[in-house]
Amino acid sequence: MSVSGVCADPVVRDQWYALAAVDEIGADVSTRLLGLPIGYGLGPGGAARAWRADDGAPIPARVSYGYLWASVGEPPAEVFDVPETREPDRRIFNAGTLGLAVSAPRAVENFLDIAHFPYVHRGLLGDEPHTEVADYDVVDRDGEIWALGCRFHQPRAAAASTEEVVAQYQYRVPHPYCAMLYKSAPGHPDRLDAMGIFTHPLDDERIRAHLFLCLLDDVNTDATIRRFQQTILAQDMPILENQHPKRLPLDPRAETPVRCDKTAIAYRRWLSSLGVTYGVIPAGAG
């Protein structure tokens, strides 16, 4: 729960949050995390530093996957594992960071949604008349949500694409406010590109969303890949910011689900089971 946007929810406080891409950090930065004023920066040798703005007390901080992560609670020793980052032929970088007037769970749920592709990302991730979402499976793997067997017709699935394809997708939710997707990698029929949304919740209705990429692309420059992904982000932005309410309702009766929303339904149930109350409207809250 929160008072004036400050998080009092231990489930949420005891998580790691990506504040910024390391190669984009210059001088020390002042910001908010879960409604609390904090600062962060890089120390000698690129070591992560973060502190409370009110008294200068240090808070947990670390560098993982090219980002500086911090916590205002008691986080686990490591950020959730992304094993693809250990594969030497992958390109790993931040495709862009977007400030959004929406809660972190709303942004994650949008990231998990396939059905909006032909309407919001027309000519890229989808197109009419290919609007049907084929059935897929949602499973629990070691306490994480996975959506398996997703597929969707896409005119241009990635910056490296040269023709339309039926892209294969998998989704993973390893963290209440972060999600990963794995999709067909052009030129690599037996492997998947990996990307993720890592949110930095300023408070319960405002975030900074980082788009993490871990790609098998030896064709394009980083700038070309960023332009492609930032086009996708820009198309999502007005949809996200016009969501009402900005916090995600967890009551299954609050917003009418359909068959293609299986991942979103599982995500909402998972948040409820974890006891998350920040950035959401808990079931029965009215």
C-alpha atoms as a PDB file:
ATOM      1  CA  MET A   1       0.000   0.000   0.000  1.00  0.00           C
ATOM      2  CA  SER A   2       1.038   3.651  -0.192  1.00  0.00           C
ATOM      3  CA  VAL A   3       0.579   7.041   1.453  1.00  0.00           C
ATOM      4  CA  SER A   4       1.025   9.930  -0.994  1.00  0.00           C
ATOM      5  CA  GLY A   5       2.726   7.576  -3.434  1.00  0.00           C
ATOM      6  CA  VAL A   6       5.323   6.217  -0.955  1.00  0.00           C
ATOM      7  CA  CYS A   7       5.462   2.429  -0.947  1.00  0.00           C
ATOM      8  CA  ALA A   8       4.847   0.595   2.321  1.00  0.00           C
ATOM      9  CA  ASP A   9       4.445  -2.803   0.622  1.00  0.00           C
ATOM     10  CA  PRO A  10       7.325  -5.116   1.685  1.00  0.00           C
ATOM     11  CA  VAL A  11       6.795  -7.415  -1.312  1.00  0.00           C
ATOM     12  CA  VAL A  12       7.543  -4.485  -3.617  1.00  0.00           C
ATOM     13  CA  ARG A  13      10.191  -2.754  -1.501  1.00  0.00           C
ATOM     14  CA  ASP A  14      12.307  -5.932  -1.298  1.00  0.00           C
ATOM     15  CA  GLN A  15      12.959  -6.036  -5.067  1.00  0.00           C
ATOM     16  CA  TRP A  16      15.761  -4.789  -7.317  1.00  0.00           C
ATOM     17  CA  TYR A  17      14.874  -1.982  -9.743  1.00  0.00           C
ATOM     18  CA  ALA A  18      16.842  -0.855 -12.811  1.00  0.00           C
ATOM     19  CA  LEU A  19      17.371   2.899 -12.430  1.00  0.00           C
ATOM     20  CA  ALA A  20      19.434   3.618 -15.545  1.00  0.00           C
ATOM     21  CA  ALA A  21      21.688   2.089 -18.180  1.00  0.00           C
ATOM     22  CA  VAL A  22      25.253   2.287 -16.865  1.00  0.00           C
ATOM     23  CA  ASP A  23      26.648   3.817 -20.072  1.00  0.00           C
ATOM     24  CA  GLU A  24      24.078   6.636 -19.812  1.00  0.00           C
ATOM     25  CA  ILE A  25      25.027   7.684 -16.253  1.00  0.00           C
ATOM     26  CA  GLY A  26      27.208  10.765 -15.986  1.00  0.00           C
ATOM     27  CA  ALA A  27      27.145  12.759 -12.767  1.00  0.00           C
ATOM     28  CA  ASP A  28      25.190  11.691  -9.684  1.00  0.00           C
ATOM     29  CA  VAL A  29      21.437  11.679 -10.299  1.00  0.00           C
ATOM     30  CA  SER A  30      18.526  12.581  -8.020  1.00  0.00           C
ATOM     31  CA  THR A  31      15.288  10.682  -8.545  1.00  0.00           C
ATOM     32  CA  ARG A  32      12.527   8.836  -6.720  1.00  0.00           C
ATOM     33  CA  LEU A  33      12.076   5.103  -6.213  1.00  0.00           C
ATOM     34  CA  LEU A  34       8.723   3.827  -4.957  1.00  0.00           C
ATOM     35  CA  GLY A  35       7.894   7.379  -3.870  1.00  0.00           C
ATOM     36  CA  LEU A  36      11.117   7.872  -1.863  1.00  0.00           C
ATOM     37  CA  PRO A  37      13.700  10.527  -2.851  1.00  0.00           C
ATOM     38  CA  ILE A  38      17.024   8.839  -3.603  1.00  0.00           C
ATOM     39  CA  GLY A  39      20.258   9.483  -5.445  1.00  0.00           C
ATOM     40  CA  TYR A  40      22.502   7.216  -7.490  1.00  0.00           C
ATOM     41  CA  GLY A  41      25.731   7.233  -9.428  1.00  0.00           C
ATOM     42  CA  LEU A  42      28.898   5.319 -10.223  1.00  0.00           C
ATOM     43  CA  GLY A  43      31.878   5.121  -7.902  1.00  0.00           C
ATOM     44  CA  PRO A  44      35.487   4.115  -8.571  1.00  0.00           C
ATOM     45  CA  GLY A  45      35.772   1.359 -11.151  1.00  0.00           C
ATOM     46  CA  GLY A  46      32.135   1.774 -12.150  1.00  0.00           C
ATOM     47  CA  ALA A  47      30.772   0.443  -8.848  1.00  0.00           C
ATOM     48  CA  ALA A  48      27.087   1.142  -8.258  1.00  0.00           C
ATOM     49  CA  ARG A  49      26.152   3.658  -5.553  1.00  0.00           C
ATOM     50  CA  ALA A  50      22.691   4.633  -4.287  1.00  0.00           C
ATOM     51  CA  TRP A  51      21.525   6.501  -1.218  1.00  0.00           C
ATOM     52  CA  ARG A  52      18.491   8.025   0.481  1.00  0.00           C
ATOM     53  CA  ALA A  53      18.181  11.723  -0.275  1.00  0.00           C
ATOM     54  CA  ASP A  54      16.913  12.647   3.201  1.00  0.00           C
ATOM     55  CA  ASP A  55      19.892  11.467   5.236  1.00  0.00           C
ATOM     56  CA  GLY A  56      22.461  10.180   2.727  1.00  0.00           C
ATOM     57  CA  ALA A  57      22.218   6.626   4.072  1.00  0.00           C
ATOM     58  CA  PRO A  58      23.320   4.041   1.484  1.00  0.00           C
ATOM     59  CA  ILE A  59      20.782   1.650   0.001  1.00  0.00           C
ATOM     60  CA  PRO A  60      21.511  -1.634  -1.810  1.00  0.00           C
ATOM     61  CA  ALA A  61      22.899  -1.081  -5.318  1.00  0.00           C
ATOM     62  CA  ARG A  62      24.555  -3.229  -7.978  1.00  0.00           C
ATOM     63  CA  VAL A  63      25.264  -3.413 -11.709  1.00  0.00           C
ATOM     64  CA  SER A  64      23.608  -6.210 -13.708  1.00  0.00           C
ATOM     65  CA  TYR A  65      22.889  -6.589 -17.455  1.00  0.00           C
ATOM     66  CA  GLY A  66      24.260  -3.111 -18.162  1.00  0.00           C
ATOM     67  CA  TYR A  67      21.980  -1.303 -15.683  1.00  0.00           C
ATOM     68  CA  LEU A  68      22.418   0.169 -12.233  1.00  0.00           C
ATOM     69  CA  TRP A  69      19.875  -1.511  -9.936  1.00  0.00           C
ATOM     70  CA  ALA A  70      18.851  -0.385  -6.455  1.00  0.00           C
ATOM     71  CA  SER A  71      16.406  -1.308  -3.709  1.00  0.00           C
ATOM     72  CA  VAL A  72      14.792   0.526  -0.804  1.00  0.00           C
ATOM     73  CA  GLY A  73      14.230  -2.749   1.072  1.00  0.00           C
ATOM     74  CA  GLU A  74      16.081  -6.014   1.590  1.00  0.00           C
ATOM     75  CA  PRO A  75      16.465  -7.514  -1.894  1.00  0.00           C
ATOM     76  CA  PRO A  76      17.797 -10.972  -2.782  1.00  0.00           C
ATOM     77  CA  ALA A  77      21.527 -11.291  -3.351  1.00  0.00           C
ATOM     78  CA  GLU A  78      21.148 -11.271  -7.161  1.00  0.00           C
ATOM     79  CA  VAL A  79      18.829  -9.823  -9.770  1.00  0.00           C
ATOM     80  CA  PHE A  80      16.771 -12.524 -11.521  1.00  0.00           C
ATOM     81  CA  ASP A  81      18.902 -14.591 -13.897  1.00  0.00           C
ATOM     82  CA  VAL A  82      19.017 -13.855 -17.637  1.00  0.00           C
ATOM     83  CA  PRO A  83      21.234 -16.707 -18.881  1.00  0.00           C
ATOM     84  CA  GLU A  84      21.278 -15.404 -22.473  1.00  0.00           C
ATOM     85  CA  THR A  85      23.561 -12.570 -21.336  1.00  0.00           C
ATOM     86  CA  ARG A  86      26.334 -15.119 -20.929  1.00  0.00           C
ATOM     87  CA  GLU A  87      26.254 -16.080 -24.632  1.00  0.00           C
ATOM     88  CA  PRO A  88      29.178 -14.250 -26.286  1.00  0.00           C
ATOM     89  CA  ASP A  89      27.564 -13.636 -29.692  1.00  0.00           C
ATOM     90  CA  ARG A  90      24.685 -11.539 -28.356  1.00  0.00           C
ATOM     91  CA  ARG A  91      24.305  -7.753 -28.541  1.00  0.00           C
ATOM     92  CA  ILE A  92      23.323  -6.460 -25.085  1.00  0.00           C
ATOM     93  CA  PHE A  93      22.223  -2.858 -24.554  1.00  0.00           C
ATOM     94  CA  ASN A  94      19.431  -0.508 -23.556  1.00  0.00           C
ATOM     95  CA  ALA A  95      17.234   0.323 -26.557  1.00  0.00           C
ATOM     96  CA  GLY A  96      15.606   3.280 -24.844  1.00  0.00           C
ATOM     97  CA  THR A  97      14.080   4.628 -21.665  1.00  0.00           C
ATOM     98  CA  LEU A  98      10.631   6.170 -21.612  1.00  0.00           C
ATOM     99  CA  GLY A  99       8.920   8.166 -18.874  1.00  0.00           C
ATOM    100  CA  LEU A 100       5.266   7.137 -18.545  1.00  0.00           C
ATOM    101  CA  ALA A 101       2.353   8.341 -16.433  1.00  0.00           C
ATOM    102  CA  VAL A 102       1.175   4.824 -15.624  1.00  0.00           C
ATOM    103  CA  SER A 103       1.831   2.205 -12.941  1.00  0.00           C
ATOM    104  CA  ALA A 104       4.538  -0.415 -13.390  1.00  0.00           C
ATOM    105  CA  PRO A 105       2.018  -3.319 -13.481  1.00  0.00           C
ATOM    106  CA  ARG A 106       0.063  -1.601 -16.269  1.00  0.00           C
ATOM    107  CA  ALA A 107       3.261  -1.288 -18.319  1.00  0.00           C
ATOM    108  CA  VAL A 108       4.205  -4.925 -17.727  1.00  0.00           C
ATOM    109  CA  GLU A 109       0.741  -6.127 -18.705  1.00  0.00           C
ATOM    110  CA  ASN A 110       0.914  -4.141 -21.966  1.00  0.00           C
ATOM    111  CA  PHE A 111       4.290  -5.757 -22.698  1.00  0.00           C
ATOM    112  CA  LEU A 112       2.652  -9.181 -22.287  1.00  0.00           C
ATOM    113  CA  ASP A 113      -0.228  -8.386 -24.652  1.00  0.00           C
ATOM    114  CA  ILE A 114      -0.093  -9.865 -28.169  1.00  0.00           C
ATOM    115  CA  ALA A 115      -3.580  -8.863 -29.291  1.00  0.00           C
ATOM    116  CA  HIS A 116      -2.748  -5.164 -29.730  1.00  0.00           C
ATOM    117  CA  PHE A 117      -0.002  -5.785 -32.327  1.00  0.00           C
ATOM    118  CA  PRO A 118      -2.047  -5.340 -35.548  1.00  0.00           C
ATOM    119  CA  TYR A 119      -3.788  -2.218 -34.246  1.00  0.00           C
ATOM    120  CA  VAL A 120      -0.984  -0.341 -32.487  1.00  0.00           C
ATOM    121  CA  HIS A 121       2.094  -1.633 -34.378  1.00  0.00           C
ATOM    122  CA  ARG A 122       0.580  -1.911 -37.854  1.00  0.00           C
ATOM    123  CA  GLY A 123       3.078  -2.810 -40.550  1.00  0.00           C
ATOM    124  CA  LEU A 124       5.673  -3.923 -38.000  1.00  0.00           C
ATOM    125  CA  LEU A 125       4.571  -6.391 -35.318  1.00  0.00           C
ATOM    126  CA  GLY A 126       1.147  -6.977 -36.856  1.00  0.00           C
ATOM    127  CA  ASP A 127      -1.286  -6.085 -39.599  1.00  0.00           C
ATOM    128  CA  GLU A 128      -4.897  -6.604 -40.555  1.00  0.00           C
ATOM    129  CA  PRO A 129      -6.514  -8.996 -41.385  1.00  0.00           C
ATOM    130  CA  HIS A 130      -4.090 -11.153 -39.303  1.00  0.00           C
ATOM    131  CA  THR A 131      -5.649 -10.259 -35.947  1.00  0.00           C
ATOM    132  CA  GLU A 132      -6.398 -13.652 -34.396  1.00  0.00           C
ATOM    133  CA  VAL A 133      -4.320 -14.697 -31.391  1.00  0.00           C
ATOM    134  CA  ALA A 134      -3.680 -18.440 -31.629  1.00  0.00           C
ATOM    135  CA  ASP A 135      -4.065 -20.426 -28.431  1.00  0.00           C
ATOM    136  CA  TYR A 136      -1.005 -20.803 -26.231  1.00  0.00           C
ATOM    137  CA  ASP A 137      -0.065 -22.195 -22.811  1.00  0.00           C
ATOM    138  CA  VAL A 138       0.584 -20.365 -19.551  1.00  0.00           C
ATOM    139  CA  VAL A 139       2.574 -22.277 -16.926  1.00  0.00           C
ATOM    140  CA  ASP A 140       4.364 -21.769 -13.613  1.00  0.00           C
ATOM    141  CA  ARG A 141       8.110 -22.427 -13.690  1.00  0.00           C
ATOM    142  CA  ASP A 142       9.846 -22.134 -10.333  1.00  0.00           C
ATOM    143  CA  GLY A 143       7.478 -19.401  -9.201  1.00  0.00           C
ATOM    144  CA  GLU A 144       7.651 -17.438 -12.470  1.00  0.00           C
ATOM    145  CA  ILE A 145       4.922 -17.008 -15.099  1.00  0.00           C
ATOM    146  CA  TRP A 146       5.755 -18.350 -18.566  1.00  0.00           C
ATOM    147  CA  ALA A 147       3.619 -18.094 -21.710  1.00  0.00           C
ATOM    148  CA  LEU A 148       4.679 -20.743 -24.236  1.00  0.00           C
ATOM    149  CA  GLY A 149       3.776 -21.495 -27.836  1.00  0.00           C
ATOM    150  CA  CYS A 150       2.727 -17.944 -28.721  1.00  0.00           C
ATOM    151  CA  ARG A 151       2.861 -17.102 -32.424  1.00  0.00           C
ATOM    152  CA  PHE A 152       1.791 -14.123 -34.489  1.00  0.00           C
ATOM    153  CA  HIS A 153       1.961 -12.986 -38.105  1.00  0.00           C
ATOM    154  CA  GLN A 154       4.369 -10.036 -38.339  1.00  0.00           C
ATOM    155  CA  PRO A 155       5.290  -7.934 -41.411  1.00  0.00           C
ATOM    156  CA  ARG A 156       8.575  -6.866 -39.798  1.00  0.00           C
ATOM    157  CA  ALA A 157       9.326  -8.705 -36.578  1.00  0.00           C
ATOM    158  CA  ALA A 158      12.735  -7.103 -35.888  1.00  0.00           C
ATOM    159  CA  ALA A 159      15.231  -4.618 -37.263  1.00  0.00           C
ATOM    160  CA  ALA A 160      17.054  -7.549 -38.906  1.00  0.00           C
ATOM    161  CA  SER A 161      13.915  -8.907 -40.622  1.00  0.00           C
ATOM    162  CA  THR A 162      13.834  -9.052 -44.425  1.00  0.00           C
ATOM    163  CA  GLU A 163      10.395 -10.654 -44.894  1.00  0.00           C
ATOM    164  CA  GLU A 164       7.125 -11.222 -43.065  1.00  0.00           C
ATOM    165  CA  VAL A 165       7.018 -14.213 -40.746  1.00  0.00           C
ATOM    166  CA  VAL A 166       4.885 -16.002 -38.207  1.00  0.00           C
ATOM    167  CA  ALA A 167       7.039 -15.100 -35.218  1.00  0.00           C
ATOM    168  CA  GLN A 168       7.379 -17.514 -32.326  1.00  0.00           C
ATOM    169  CA  TYR A 169       7.121 -15.977 -28.862  1.00  0.00           C
ATOM    170  CA  GLN A 170       7.666 -16.920 -25.236  1.00  0.00           C
ATOM    171  CA  TYR A 171       6.976 -14.587 -22.321  1.00  0.00           C
ATOM    172  CA  ARG A 172       8.453 -14.736 -18.838  1.00  0.00           C
ATOM    173  CA  VAL A 173       7.561 -12.753 -15.702  1.00  0.00           C
ATOM    174  CA  PRO A 174      10.378 -13.211 -13.149  1.00  0.00           C
ATOM    175  CA  HIS A 175       9.706 -10.036 -11.095  1.00  0.00           C
ATOM    176  CA  PRO A 176       6.474  -8.215 -10.204  1.00  0.00           C
ATOM    177  CA  TYR A 177       7.553  -5.133 -12.176  1.00  0.00           C
ATOM    178  CA  CYS A 178       9.748  -6.661 -14.931  1.00  0.00           C
ATOM    179  CA  ALA A 179       9.061  -9.024 -17.837  1.00  0.00           C
ATOM    180  CA  MET A 180      11.022 -10.774 -20.569  1.00  0.00           C
ATOM    181  CA  LEU A 181      10.073 -11.961 -24.026  1.00  0.00           C
ATOM    182  CA  TYR A 182      11.861 -14.389 -26.303  1.00  0.00           C
ATOM    183  CA  LYS A 183      11.046 -14.346 -30.009  1.00  0.00           C
ATOM    184  CA  SER A 184      12.222 -15.687 -33.343  1.00  0.00           C
ATOM    185  CA  ALA A 185      15.682 -14.364 -34.216  1.00  0.00           C
ATOM    186  CA  PRO A 186      16.089 -13.591 -37.950  1.00  0.00           C
ATOM    187  CA  GLY A 187      18.828 -15.769 -39.410  1.00  0.00           C
ATOM    188  CA  HIS A 188      18.931 -18.053 -36.342  1.00  0.00           C
ATOM    189  CA  PRO A 189      16.129 -20.612 -36.735  1.00  0.00           C
ATOM    190  CA  ASP A 190      17.047 -22.573 -33.600  1.00  0.00           C
ATOM    191  CA  ARG A 191      17.536 -19.640 -31.219  1.00  0.00           C
ATOM    192  CA  LEU A 192      15.503 -16.761 -29.815  1.00  0.00           C
ATOM    193  CA  ASP A 193      16.200 -13.086 -29.314  1.00  0.00           C
ATOM    194  CA  ALA A 194      15.674 -11.935 -25.721  1.00  0.00           C
ATOM    195  CA  MET A 195      14.344  -8.573 -24.622  1.00  0.00           C
ATOM    196  CA  GLY A 196      12.743  -7.188 -21.535  1.00  0.00           C
ATOM    197  CA  ILE A 197      10.957  -4.319 -19.887  1.00  0.00           C
ATOM    198  CA  PHE A 198      12.654  -3.266 -16.651  1.00  0.00           C
ATOM    199  CA  THR A 199      10.578  -0.633 -14.866  1.00  0.00           C
ATOM    200  CA  HIS A 200      11.782   2.024 -12.456  1.00  0.00           C
ATOM    201  CA  PRO A 201       8.667   2.984 -10.466  1.00  0.00           C
ATOM    202  CA  LEU A 202       8.958   6.629  -9.440  1.00  0.00           C
ATOM    203  CA  ASP A 203       5.715   6.180  -7.507  1.00  0.00           C
ATOM    204  CA  ASP A 204       2.515   4.144  -7.840  1.00  0.00           C
ATOM    205  CA  GLU A 205       1.370   5.872 -11.052  1.00  0.00           C
ATOM    206  CA  ARG A 206       4.596   7.042 -12.751  1.00  0.00           C
ATOM    207  CA  ILE A 207       7.514   5.027 -14.101  1.00  0.00           C
ATOM    208  CA  ARG A 208      10.575   5.046 -16.267  1.00  0.00           C
ATOM    209  CA  ALA A 209      10.565   1.980 -18.525  1.00  0.00           C
ATOM    210  CA  HIS A 210      13.848   0.593 -19.861  1.00  0.00           C
ATOM    211  CA  LEU A 211      13.782  -1.661 -22.935  1.00  0.00           C
ATOM    212  CA  PHE A 212      16.542  -4.244 -22.508  1.00  0.00           C
ATOM    213  CA  LEU A 213      17.867  -6.047 -25.598  1.00  0.00           C
ATOM    214  CA  CYS A 214      19.933  -9.235 -25.820  1.00  0.00           C
ATOM    215  CA  LEU A 215      19.902  -9.917 -29.559  1.00  0.00           C
ATOM    216  CA  LEU A 216      21.416 -12.152 -32.210  1.00  0.00           C
ATOM    217  CA  ASP A 217      21.877  -9.401 -34.804  1.00  0.00           C
ATOM    218  CA  ASP A 218      25.176  -9.077 -36.663  1.00  0.00           C
ATOM    219  CA  VAL A 219      23.699  -6.927 -39.444  1.00  0.00           C
ATOM    220  CA  ASN A 220      22.477  -3.649 -37.925  1.00  0.00           C
ATOM    221  CA  THR A 221      24.192  -0.933 -35.949  1.00  0.00           C
ATOM    222  CA  ASP A 222      23.063  -0.199 -32.392  1.00  0.00           C
ATOM    223  CA  ALA A 223      21.549   3.046 -33.689  1.00  0.00           C
ATOM    224  CA  THR A 224      19.429   1.223 -36.295  1.00  0.00           C
ATOM    225  CA  ILE A 225      18.173  -1.277 -33.729  1.00  0.00           C
ATOM    226  CA  ARG A 226      17.367   1.528 -31.275  1.00  0.00           C
ATOM    227  CA  ARG A 227      15.380   3.434 -33.913  1.00  0.00           C
ATOM    228  CA  PHE A 228      13.294   0.342 -34.658  1.00  0.00           C
ATOM    229  CA  GLN A 229      12.590  -0.392 -30.997  1.00  0.00           C
ATOM    230  CA  GLN A 230      11.915   3.246 -30.122  1.00  0.00           C
ATOM    231  CA  THR A 231       9.312   3.360 -32.887  1.00  0.00           C
ATOM    232  CA  ILE A 232       7.545   0.497 -31.089  1.00  0.00           C
ATOM    233  CA  LEU A 233       7.845   2.297 -27.740  1.00  0.00           C
ATOM    234  CA  ALA A 234       6.463   5.537 -29.179  1.00  0.00           C
ATOM    235  CA  GLN A 235       3.432   3.674 -30.553  1.00  0.00           C
ATOM    236  CA  ASP A 236       2.747   2.141 -27.133  1.00  0.00           C
ATOM    237  CA  MET A 237       3.108   5.383 -25.178  1.00  0.00           C
ATOM    238  CA  PRO A 238      -0.319   6.979 -25.879  1.00  0.00           C
ATOM    239  CA  ILE A 239      -2.064   3.644 -25.292  1.00  0.00           C
ATOM    240  CA  LEU A 240      -0.401   3.249 -21.910  1.00  0.00           C
ATOM    241  CA  GLU A 241      -0.916   6.821 -20.759  1.00  0.00           C
ATOM    242  CA  ASN A 242      -4.617   6.713 -21.653  1.00  0.00           C
ATOM    243  CA  GLN A 243      -5.219   3.624 -19.506  1.00  0.00           C
ATOM    244  CA  HIS A 244      -7.801   4.205 -16.795  1.00  0.00           C
ATOM    245  CA  PRO A 245      -7.286   3.623 -13.971  1.00  0.00           C
ATOM    246  CA  LYS A 246      -3.510   4.046 -14.049  1.00  0.00           C
ATOM    247  CA  ARG A 247      -3.079   1.351 -11.403  1.00  0.00           C
ATOM    248  CA  LEU A 248      -3.825  -2.222 -12.432  1.00  0.00           C
ATOM    249  CA  PRO A 249      -7.092  -3.691 -11.053  1.00  0.00           C
ATOM    250  CA  LEU A 250      -6.550  -7.182  -9.664  1.00  0.00           C
ATOM    251  CA  ASP A 251     -10.231  -8.050  -9.237  1.00  0.00           C
ATOM    252  CA  PRO A 252     -10.989 -10.435 -12.150  1.00  0.00           C
ATOM    253  CA  ARG A 253     -14.367  -8.738 -12.578  1.00  0.00           C
ATOM    254  CA  ALA A 254     -12.891  -5.244 -12.992  1.00  0.00           C
ATOM    255  CA  GLU A 255     -11.992  -5.554 -16.687  1.00  0.00           C
ATOM    256  CA  THR A 256     -13.569  -8.180 -18.924  1.00  0.00           C
ATOM    257  CA  PRO A 257     -10.964 -10.745 -20.059  1.00  0.00           C
ATOM    258  CA  VAL A 258     -11.040 -12.748 -23.293  1.00  0.00           C
ATOM    259  CA  ARG A 259      -9.230 -15.950 -24.278  1.00  0.00           C
ATOM    260  CA  CYS A 260      -6.161 -14.146 -25.640  1.00  0.00           C
ATOM    261  CA  ASP A 261      -5.638 -12.441 -22.251  1.00  0.00           C
ATOM    262  CA  LYS A 262      -4.440 -15.641 -20.558  1.00  0.00           C
ATOM    263  CA  THR A 263      -1.030 -14.214 -19.675  1.00  0.00           C
ATOM    264  CA  ALA A 264      -2.518 -11.005 -18.269  1.00  0.00           C
ATOM    265  CA  ILE A 265      -4.994 -13.000 -16.178  1.00  0.00           C
ATOM    266  CA  ALA A 266      -2.165 -15.164 -14.819  1.00  0.00           C
ATOM    267  CA  TYR A 267      -0.085 -12.038 -14.095  1.00  0.00           C
ATOM    268  CA  ARG A 268      -2.885 -10.410 -12.114  1.00  0.00           C
ATOM    269  CA  ARG A 269      -3.483 -13.585 -10.137  1.00  0.00           C
ATOM    270  CA  TRP A 270       0.253 -13.876  -9.465  1.00  0.00           C
ATOM    271  CA  LEU A 271       0.440 -10.319  -8.119  1.00  0.00           C
ATOM    272  CA  SER A 272      -2.508 -11.080  -5.849  1.00  0.00           C
ATOM    273  CA  SER A 273      -0.887 -14.293  -4.605  1.00  0.00           C
ATOM    274  CA  LEU A 274       2.359 -12.429  -3.846  1.00  0.00           C
ATOM    275  CA  GLY A 275       0.429  -9.847  -1.848  1.00  0.00           C
ATOM    276  CA  VAL A 276       1.363  -6.905  -4.090  1.00  0.00           C
ATOM    277  CA  THR A 277      -0.676  -3.804  -3.234  1.00  0.00           C
ATOM    278  CA  TYR A 278       1.445  -0.982  -4.732  1.00  0.00           C
ATOM    279  CA  GLY A 279       0.702   0.161  -8.271  1.00  0.00           C
ATOM    280  CA  VAL A 280      -2.439  -1.979  -8.305  1.00  0.00           C
ATOM    281  CA  ILE A 281      -6.028  -1.874  -7.082  1.00  0.00           C
ATOM    282  CA  PRO A 282      -6.275  -5.003  -4.918  1.00  0.00           C
ATOM    283  CA  ALA A 283      -9.299  -7.243  -5.332  1.00  0.00           C
ATOM    284  CA  GLY A 284     -12.090  -6.077  -3.042  1.00  0.00           C
ATOM    285  CA  ALA A 285     -10.623  -2.567  -2.702  1.00  0.00           C
ATOM    286  CA  GLY A 286     -13.727  -1.031  -4.300  1.00  0.00           C
END
